[in-house]
Amino acid sequence: MKYEIITYSRSTGDITHSKRLYSTRWNAEAALRTAGYTQNPRLPDIWYSEKYYAKVKEIAP
């Protein structure tokens, strides 16, 4: 399985897909943590930063 990160700009509403694919969900989430994102405690699949929301999504084979 491969995973990508989808980001949503809080100010402009633009949606972007990560250029890099990750082999595990943990690796994608680690990249978000490194980039300064925080996991939402009420919605654990949503991550946020000052300017963006993000979600790790599994890519269908």
N, C-alpha and C. Protein backbone atom coordinates (compact mmCIF):
# COMPACT_ATOMS: atom_id res chain seq x y z
N MET A 1 0.83 -1.17 0.00
CA MET A 1 0.00 0.00 0.00
C MET A 1 0.88 1.25 0.00
N LYS A 2 0.42 2.26 -0.67
CA LYS A 2 1.12 3.54 -0.71
C LYS A 2 0.20 4.60 -0.12
N TYR A 3 0.81 5.64 0.44
CA TYR A 3 0.07 6.71 1.08
C TYR A 3 0.56 8.04 0.55
N GLU A 4 -0.35 9.02 0.50
CA GLU A 4 0.01 10.37 0.12
C GLU A 4 -0.55 11.32 1.17
N ILE A 5 -0.05 12.55 1.16
CA ILE A 5 -0.54 13.57 2.06
C ILE A 5 -1.31 14.58 1.23
N ILE A 6 -2.54 14.83 1.65
CA ILE A 6 -3.37 15.84 0.99
C ILE A 6 -3.43 17.04 1.92
N THR A 7 -3.09 18.23 1.40
CA THR A 7 -3.13 19.44 2.22
C THR A 7 -4.19 20.40 1.68
N TYR A 8 -4.79 21.11 2.60
CA TYR A 8 -5.85 22.07 2.30
C TYR A 8 -5.45 23.39 2.94
N SER A 9 -5.34 24.44 2.12
CA SER A 9 -4.98 25.76 2.62
C SER A 9 -6.16 26.37 3.36
N ARG A 10 -5.93 26.79 4.58
CA ARG A 10 -6.99 27.40 5.37
C ARG A 10 -7.37 28.77 4.84
N SER A 11 -6.47 29.47 4.16
CA SER A 11 -6.77 30.83 3.70
C SER A 11 -7.34 30.86 2.28
N THR A 12 -6.82 30.02 1.38
CA THR A 12 -7.26 30.09 -0.02
C THR A 12 -8.18 28.95 -0.42
N GLY A 13 -8.19 27.86 0.34
CA GLY A 13 -9.02 26.71 0.00
C GLY A 13 -8.40 25.80 -1.04
N ASP A 14 -7.15 26.05 -1.40
CA ASP A 14 -6.46 25.21 -2.38
C ASP A 14 -6.16 23.84 -1.79
N ILE A 15 -6.31 22.81 -2.61
CA ILE A 15 -6.00 21.44 -2.21
C ILE A 15 -4.81 20.96 -3.02
N THR A 16 -3.81 20.38 -2.35
CA THR A 16 -2.65 19.84 -3.05
C THR A 16 -2.37 18.42 -2.57
N HIS A 17 -1.77 17.64 -3.45
CA HIS A 17 -1.36 16.28 -3.14
C HIS A 17 0.16 16.27 -3.02
N SER A 18 0.67 15.47 -2.10
CA SER A 18 2.12 15.38 -1.93
C SER A 18 2.75 14.80 -3.19
N LYS A 19 3.94 15.27 -3.51
CA LYS A 19 4.67 14.73 -4.66
C LYS A 19 5.32 13.40 -4.30
N ARG A 20 5.52 13.20 -3.02
CA ARG A 20 6.16 11.97 -2.55
C ARG A 20 5.09 10.99 -2.08
N LEU A 21 5.32 9.72 -2.35
CA LEU A 21 4.45 8.66 -1.84
C LEU A 21 5.18 7.97 -0.68
N TYR A 22 4.45 7.55 0.30
CA TYR A 22 5.02 6.93 1.50
C TYR A 22 4.61 5.47 1.55
N SER A 23 5.51 4.63 2.03
CA SER A 23 5.25 3.19 2.06
C SER A 23 4.35 2.79 3.22
N THR A 24 4.34 3.59 4.29
CA THR A 24 3.47 3.29 5.43
C THR A 24 2.78 4.57 5.89
N ARG A 25 1.66 4.41 6.55
CA ARG A 25 0.94 5.55 7.13
C ARG A 25 1.83 6.24 8.17
N TRP A 26 2.57 5.43 8.95
CA TRP A 26 3.44 5.99 9.98
C TRP A 26 4.48 6.93 9.38
N ASN A 27 5.06 6.56 8.24
CA ASN A 27 6.06 7.42 7.59
C ASN A 27 5.45 8.74 7.14
N ALA A 28 4.24 8.69 6.60
CA ALA A 28 3.57 9.92 6.17
C ALA A 28 3.25 10.80 7.38
N GLU A 29 2.78 10.19 8.46
CA GLU A 29 2.48 10.95 9.66
C GLU A 29 3.75 11.53 10.29
N ALA A 30 4.85 10.80 10.20
CA ALA A 30 6.13 11.30 10.71
C ALA A 30 6.57 12.53 9.90
N ALA A 31 6.32 12.51 8.60
CA ALA A 31 6.65 13.67 7.76
C ALA A 31 5.81 14.88 8.18
N LEU A 32 4.55 14.66 8.51
CA LEU A 32 3.70 15.76 8.98
C LEU A 32 4.20 16.30 10.32
N ARG A 33 4.57 15.41 11.23
CA ARG A 33 5.10 15.86 12.53
C ARG A 33 6.36 16.68 12.33
N THR A 34 7.24 16.22 11.45
CA THR A 34 8.49 16.92 11.18
C THR A 34 8.22 18.31 10.59
N ALA A 35 7.16 18.42 9.79
CA ALA A 35 6.82 19.70 9.17
C ALA A 35 6.06 20.63 10.12
N GLY A 36 5.82 20.17 11.36
CA GLY A 36 5.19 21.04 12.34
C GLY A 36 3.68 20.89 12.46
N TYR A 37 3.11 19.86 11.88
CA TYR A 37 1.67 19.63 11.99
C TYR A 37 1.36 18.96 13.33
N THR A 38 0.14 19.17 13.81
CA THR A 38 -0.35 18.57 15.04
C THR A 38 -1.57 17.73 14.73
N GLN A 39 -1.67 16.58 15.36
CA GLN A 39 -2.81 15.71 15.13
C GLN A 39 -4.01 16.23 15.92
N ASN A 40 -5.17 16.27 15.28
CA ASN A 40 -6.39 16.72 15.92
C ASN A 40 -6.87 15.63 16.89
N PRO A 41 -7.02 15.93 18.19
CA PRO A 41 -7.42 14.89 19.14
C PRO A 41 -8.85 14.38 18.93
N ARG A 42 -9.73 15.22 18.40
CA ARG A 42 -11.12 14.79 18.18
C ARG A 42 -11.31 14.08 16.84
N LEU A 43 -10.48 14.43 15.87
CA LEU A 43 -10.52 13.80 14.55
C LEU A 43 -9.12 13.31 14.23
N PRO A 44 -8.75 12.10 14.66
CA PRO A 44 -7.36 11.66 14.58
C PRO A 44 -6.79 11.54 13.17
N ASP A 45 -7.64 11.51 12.14
CA ASP A 45 -7.09 11.43 10.78
C ASP A 45 -6.82 12.81 10.18
N ILE A 46 -7.14 13.88 10.91
CA ILE A 46 -6.89 15.25 10.44
C ILE A 46 -5.72 15.84 11.20
N TRP A 47 -4.80 16.44 10.46
CA TRP A 47 -3.64 17.12 11.03
C TRP A 47 -3.78 18.60 10.69
N TYR A 48 -3.19 19.47 11.49
CA TYR A 48 -3.30 20.89 11.20
C TYR A 48 -2.02 21.63 11.56
N SER A 49 -1.83 22.75 10.89
CA SER A 49 -0.75 23.66 11.22
C SER A 49 -1.36 25.06 11.22
N GLU A 50 -0.53 26.06 11.31
CA GLU A 50 -1.03 27.43 11.34
C GLU A 50 -1.76 27.80 10.05
N LYS A 51 -1.28 27.28 8.91
CA LYS A 51 -1.86 27.67 7.62
C LYS A 51 -2.60 26.57 6.87
N TYR A 52 -2.43 25.30 7.30
CA TYR A 52 -2.97 24.20 6.51
C TYR A 52 -3.64 23.13 7.38
N TYR A 53 -4.54 22.42 6.74
CA TYR A 53 -5.05 21.14 7.26
C TYR A 53 -4.45 20.06 6.38
N ALA A 54 -4.27 18.87 6.91
CA ALA A 54 -3.71 17.78 6.12
C ALA A 54 -4.35 16.46 6.53
N LYS A 55 -4.30 15.51 5.60
CA LYS A 55 -4.82 14.16 5.85
C LYS A 55 -3.95 13.18 5.09
N VAL A 56 -3.67 12.04 5.72
CA VAL A 56 -2.93 10.96 5.05
C VAL A 56 -3.97 10.07 4.39
N LYS A 57 -3.79 9.82 3.12
CA LYS A 57 -4.78 9.03 2.37
C LYS A 57 -4.09 7.85 1.71
N GLU A 58 -4.72 6.70 1.81
CA GLU A 58 -4.22 5.49 1.16
C GLU A 58 -4.55 5.57 -0.33
N ILE A 59 -3.58 5.23 -1.15
CA ILE A 59 -3.81 5.22 -2.59
C ILE A 59 -4.23 3.81 -2.99
N ALA A 60 -5.33 3.72 -3.70
CA ALA A 60 -5.83 2.41 -4.12
C ALA A 60 -4.86 1.79 -5.12
N PRO A 61 -4.62 0.48 -4.98
CA PRO A 61 -3.68 -0.17 -5.89
C PRO A 61 -4.23 -0.28 -7.32
